[in-house]
Amino acid sequence: KTIGKSIEIAEELRKAGINCDIDLSGRSIWKSLEYAGKLDIPFALIVGQQELDQGKVKLRDMLTGNEELLTVEKAIAKLRQ
């Protein structure tokens, strides 16, 4: 369920002009975040079942480690700033 929704969210981000990629490797979230950090990716969007149940996603600032629970629309607005 999360993969399908992740693909939909990635399409929304791309339509908004935001470059994104989806990690489908099956590695743990921490390994994925570590990998994103090595690539100097500024933000990670975490789409887990808990977040989806709330109708939200978790936006992580990779520089500070701060995370916010936001709707997809608010996450897009924040990423476009």
Protein backbone atom coordinates (compact mmCIF):
# COMPACT_ATOMS: atom_id res chain seq x y z
CA LYS A 1 0.00 0.00 0.00
CA THR A 2 2.77 2.48 0.84
CA ILE A 3 4.61 1.88 -2.46
CA GLY A 4 1.58 2.78 -4.56
CA LYS A 5 0.91 5.90 -2.51
CA SER A 6 4.62 6.83 -2.61
CA ILE A 7 4.51 6.71 -6.41
CA GLU A 8 1.42 8.96 -6.44
CA ILE A 9 3.13 11.44 -4.12
CA ALA A 10 6.30 11.41 -6.26
CA GLU A 11 4.14 12.26 -9.29
CA GLU A 12 2.61 15.19 -7.39
CA LEU A 13 6.07 16.44 -6.42
CA ARG A 14 7.29 16.21 -10.02
CA LYS A 15 4.22 18.06 -11.30
CA ALA A 16 5.10 20.81 -8.80
CA GLY A 17 8.61 21.00 -10.30
CA ILE A 18 10.35 19.20 -7.44
CA ASN A 19 12.95 16.58 -8.38
CA CYS A 20 12.48 13.39 -6.42
CA ASP A 21 13.30 9.72 -6.34
CA ILE A 22 11.81 6.75 -4.52
CA ASP A 23 13.93 4.22 -2.66
CA LEU A 24 12.47 0.80 -3.42
CA SER A 25 15.57 -1.12 -2.36
CA GLY A 26 13.92 -2.62 0.68
CA ARG A 27 16.63 -1.35 3.03
CA SER A 28 15.71 0.11 6.42
CA ILE A 29 14.56 3.71 6.70
CA TRP A 30 17.78 4.59 8.52
CA LYS A 31 19.93 3.09 5.75
CA SER A 32 17.88 5.00 3.17
CA LEU A 33 18.34 8.26 5.09
CA GLU A 34 22.05 7.57 5.46
CA TYR A 35 22.28 7.01 1.69
CA ALA A 36 20.36 10.26 0.98
CA GLY A 37 22.75 12.10 3.29
CA LYS A 38 25.78 10.78 1.40
CA LEU A 39 24.26 12.13 -1.82
CA ASP A 40 23.74 15.57 -0.20
CA ILE A 41 19.99 15.34 -0.71
CA PRO A 42 18.54 18.25 1.31
CA PHE A 43 15.16 16.73 2.22
CA ALA A 44 13.63 13.28 2.57
CA LEU A 45 9.93 12.57 2.49
CA ILE A 46 8.98 9.58 4.61
CA VAL A 47 5.81 7.80 3.55
CA GLY A 48 5.03 5.07 6.06
CA GLN A 49 1.80 3.39 7.05
CA GLN A 50 1.49 5.50 10.22
CA GLU A 51 1.84 8.70 8.21
CA LEU A 52 -0.62 7.54 5.55
CA ASP A 53 -3.18 6.62 8.22
CA GLN A 54 -3.08 10.29 9.26
CA GLY A 55 -3.26 11.55 5.67
CA LYS A 56 0.23 13.02 6.01
CA VAL A 57 3.90 12.51 5.20
CA LYS A 58 7.01 13.18 7.24
CA LEU A 59 9.36 15.81 5.81
CA ARG A 60 12.92 15.46 7.13
CA ASP A 61 15.48 18.24 6.76
CA MET A 62 18.63 16.21 6.15
CA LEU A 63 20.91 19.00 7.36
CA THR A 64 19.28 19.57 10.75
CA GLY A 65 17.49 16.24 11.23
CA ASN A 66 14.25 18.10 12.03
CA GLU A 67 11.09 16.31 10.95
CA GLU A 68 7.59 17.66 10.40
CA LEU A 69 4.35 15.79 9.85
CA LEU A 70 2.59 17.57 6.98
CA THR A 71 -0.01 17.05 4.32
CA VAL A 72 1.47 16.46 0.87
CA GLU A 73 0.30 19.94 -0.18
CA LYS A 74 2.07 21.60 2.76
CA ALA A 75 5.21 19.54 2.15
CA ILE A 76 5.24 20.70 -1.48
CA ALA A 77 4.78 24.32 -0.39
CA LYS A 78 7.65 23.99 2.09
CA LEU A 79 9.93 22.36 -0.50
CA ARG A 80 9.23 25.14 -3.01
CA GLN A 81 10.37 27.88 -0.58
